[in-house]
Amino acid sequence: MKDAATGAGLTRLRFIFKGRVQHVGFRYTAYYFSRGLYVTGWVDNLPDGSVAMEAQGAPMQLQKLLSRLKGQFEIDHVSVEKLEPVPHERGFRVRGY
C-alpha cells in the first residue's frame, strides 16, 4: 500500500524531452494528464528547447503519462533518471512564466 504522506511505495522520475516540445502546449498537456493520473511533480521549459519534468506516482501511472505524452507530441528523445520520492508532495505544477 502506498503512503502518500511519506512517499513510500511511490516512484519519482526525472524526464528530459527533446523534439518539438516547446510552444506546442506540452507543459499544460503534461499538467492535465498528470492530474488525471494522480501523479505529482512539475514540468518546465529548459533554455536549450527541451522540457524537464519530474513526476511521482505509481509506476504504472508514470508509464501511462509517458505513453500519452509520446502519443500527443513529436518527441525525438526522452532521457529518464530515477530519483528519491519527495515526501508530502501535493499536486502537479507548471513552472516558469
C-alpha atoms as a PDB file:
ATOM      1  CA  MET A   1       0.000   0.000   0.000  1.00  0.00           C
ATOM      2  CA  LYS A   2       1.258   3.480  -0.862  1.00  0.00           C
ATOM      3  CA  ASP A   3       1.671   6.150   1.765  1.00  0.00           C
ATOM      4  CA  ALA A   4       1.014   9.463   0.025  1.00  0.00           C
ATOM      5  CA  ALA A   5       2.201  11.437   3.036  1.00  0.00           C
ATOM      6  CA  THR A   6       5.675   9.912   3.164  1.00  0.00           C
ATOM      7  CA  GLY A   7       6.083   8.896  -0.476  1.00  0.00           C
ATOM      8  CA  ALA A   8       6.553   5.217   0.452  1.00  0.00           C
ATOM      9  CA  GLY A   9       5.735   2.913  -2.449  1.00  0.00           C
ATOM     10  CA  LEU A  10       5.968   5.733  -4.983  1.00  0.00           C
ATOM     11  CA  THR A  11       8.424   6.184  -7.832  1.00  0.00           C
ATOM     12  CA  ARG A  12       9.842   9.556  -8.891  1.00  0.00           C
ATOM     13  CA  LEU A  13      11.340  10.024 -12.337  1.00  0.00           C
ATOM     14  CA  ARG A  14      13.039  12.987 -14.000  1.00  0.00           C
ATOM     15  CA  PHE A  15      12.397  13.163 -17.737  1.00  0.00           C
ATOM     16  CA  ILE A  16      14.121  15.359 -20.302  1.00  0.00           C
ATOM     17  CA  PHE A  17      12.093  15.555 -23.511  1.00  0.00           C
ATOM     18  CA  LYS A  18      13.743  16.633 -26.770  1.00  0.00           C
ATOM     19  CA  GLY A  19      11.966  17.313 -30.020  1.00  0.00           C
ATOM     20  CA  ARG A  20       9.077  19.633 -30.828  1.00  0.00           C
ATOM     21  CA  VAL A  21       8.123  20.170 -27.199  1.00  0.00           C
ATOM     22  CA  GLN A  22       8.135  23.940 -26.665  1.00  0.00           C
ATOM     23  CA  HIS A  23       5.460  26.360 -27.930  1.00  0.00           C
ATOM     24  CA  VAL A  24       3.072  23.469 -28.569  1.00  0.00           C
ATOM     25  CA  GLY A  25       1.239  23.224 -25.222  1.00  0.00           C
ATOM     26  CA  PHE A  26       3.448  20.434 -23.873  1.00  0.00           C
ATOM     27  CA  ARG A  27       3.649  21.704 -20.280  1.00  0.00           C
ATOM     28  CA  TYR A  28      -0.077  22.280 -19.915  1.00  0.00           C
ATOM     29  CA  THR A  29      -0.894  18.936 -21.505  1.00  0.00           C
ATOM     30  CA  ALA A  30       1.538  17.243 -19.094  1.00  0.00           C
ATOM     31  CA  TYR A  31      -0.234  19.067 -16.252  1.00  0.00           C
ATOM     32  CA  TYR A  32      -3.657  17.907 -17.442  1.00  0.00           C
ATOM     33  CA  PHE A  33      -2.573  14.276 -17.968  1.00  0.00           C
ATOM     34  CA  SER A  34      -0.728  14.170 -14.612  1.00  0.00           C
ATOM     35  CA  ARG A  35      -3.677  15.409 -12.621  1.00  0.00           C
ATOM     36  CA  GLY A  36      -5.939  12.834 -14.246  1.00  0.00           C
ATOM     37  CA  LEU A  37      -3.494  10.067 -13.323  1.00  0.00           C
ATOM     38  CA  TYR A  38      -2.922  11.310  -9.738  1.00  0.00           C
ATOM     39  CA  VAL A  39       0.747  11.982 -10.483  1.00  0.00           C
ATOM     40  CA  THR A  40       2.534  14.766  -8.598  1.00  0.00           C
ATOM     41  CA  GLY A  41       5.548  16.826  -9.638  1.00  0.00           C
ATOM     42  CA  TRP A  42       6.342  19.616 -12.051  1.00  0.00           C
ATOM     43  CA  VAL A  43       7.201  20.434 -15.671  1.00  0.00           C
ATOM     44  CA  ASP A  44       9.345  23.290 -17.043  1.00  0.00           C
ATOM     45  CA  ASN A  45      10.884  24.539 -20.276  1.00  0.00           C
ATOM     46  CA  LEU A  46      14.670  24.495 -20.487  1.00  0.00           C
ATOM     47  CA  PRO A  47      16.758  27.145 -22.283  1.00  0.00           C
ATOM     48  CA  ASP A  48      18.018  24.635 -24.895  1.00  0.00           C
ATOM     49  CA  GLY A  49      14.482  23.991 -26.224  1.00  0.00           C
ATOM     50  CA  SER A  50      13.873  20.789 -24.294  1.00  0.00           C
ATOM     51  CA  VAL A  51      11.419  20.230 -21.441  1.00  0.00           C
ATOM     52  CA  ALA A  52      12.208  18.827 -17.986  1.00  0.00           C
ATOM     53  CA  MET A  53       9.604  17.040 -15.911  1.00  0.00           C
ATOM     54  CA  GLU A  54       9.734  15.362 -12.518  1.00  0.00           C
ATOM     55  CA  ALA A  55       6.807  13.053 -11.957  1.00  0.00           C
ATOM     56  CA  GLN A  56       5.962  10.959  -8.914  1.00  0.00           C
ATOM     57  CA  GLY A  57       3.375   8.234  -8.601  1.00  0.00           C
ATOM     58  CA  ALA A  58       2.735   4.545  -9.064  1.00  0.00           C
ATOM     59  CA  PRO A  59       4.988   3.060 -11.767  1.00  0.00           C
ATOM     60  CA  MET A  60       2.005   2.138 -13.953  1.00  0.00           C
ATOM     61  CA  GLN A  61       0.670   5.706 -13.769  1.00  0.00           C
ATOM     62  CA  LEU A  62       4.076   7.122 -14.755  1.00  0.00           C
ATOM     63  CA  GLN A  63       4.197   4.752 -17.737  1.00  0.00           C
ATOM     64  CA  LYS A  64       0.700   5.866 -18.797  1.00  0.00           C
ATOM     65  CA  LEU A  65       1.768   9.515 -18.523  1.00  0.00           C
ATOM     66  CA  LEU A  66       4.828   8.923 -20.699  1.00  0.00           C
ATOM     67  CA  SER A  67       2.807   6.973 -23.281  1.00  0.00           C
ATOM     68  CA  ARG A  68       0.166   9.705 -23.500  1.00  0.00           C
ATOM     69  CA  LEU A  69       2.774  12.419 -23.968  1.00  0.00           C
ATOM     70  CA  LYS A  70       4.568  10.396 -26.651  1.00  0.00           C
ATOM     71  CA  GLY A  71       1.262   9.937 -28.460  1.00  0.00           C
ATOM     72  CA  GLN A  72       0.479  13.646 -28.378  1.00  0.00           C
ATOM     73  CA  PHE A  73       3.807  15.297 -29.287  1.00  0.00           C
ATOM     74  CA  GLU A  74       6.760  14.939 -31.653  1.00  0.00           C
ATOM     75  CA  ILE A  75       9.277  13.692 -29.103  1.00  0.00           C
ATOM     76  CA  ASP A  76      12.634  12.729 -30.603  1.00  0.00           C
ATOM     77  CA  HIS A  77      14.327  11.562 -27.414  1.00  0.00           C
ATOM     78  CA  VAL A  78      13.473  11.045 -23.742  1.00  0.00           C
ATOM     79  CA  SER A  79      16.081  10.593 -21.035  1.00  0.00           C
ATOM     80  CA  VAL A  80      14.876   9.167 -17.736  1.00  0.00           C
ATOM     81  CA  GLU A  81      16.529   9.290 -14.329  1.00  0.00           C
ATOM     82  CA  LYS A  82      15.172   7.656 -11.186  1.00  0.00           C
ATOM     83  CA  LEU A  83      15.074   9.956  -8.143  1.00  0.00           C
ATOM     84  CA  GLU A  84      14.169   9.606  -4.500  1.00  0.00           C
ATOM     85  CA  PRO A  85      10.464  10.296  -3.846  1.00  0.00           C
ATOM     86  CA  VAL A  86       9.575  13.680  -2.370  1.00  0.00           C
ATOM     87  CA  PRO A  87       7.557  13.148   0.822  1.00  0.00           C
ATOM     88  CA  HIS A  88       4.391  15.174   1.287  1.00  0.00           C
ATOM     89  CA  GLU A  89       4.331  16.457  -2.299  1.00  0.00           C
ATOM     90  CA  ARG A  90       0.872  17.525  -3.404  1.00  0.00           C
ATOM     91  CA  GLY A  91      -0.299  18.283  -6.902  1.00  0.00           C
ATOM     92  CA  PHE A  92       1.431  18.876 -10.194  1.00  0.00           C
ATOM     93  CA  ARG A  93       2.529  22.290 -11.343  1.00  0.00           C
ATOM     94  CA  VAL A  94       3.792  24.087 -14.419  1.00  0.00           C
ATOM     95  CA  ARG A  95       6.970  26.009 -13.670  1.00  0.00           C
ATOM     96  CA  GLY A  96       8.050  29.197 -15.363  1.00  0.00           C
ATOM     97  CA  TYR A  97       6.122  32.123 -16.726  1.00  0.00           C
END
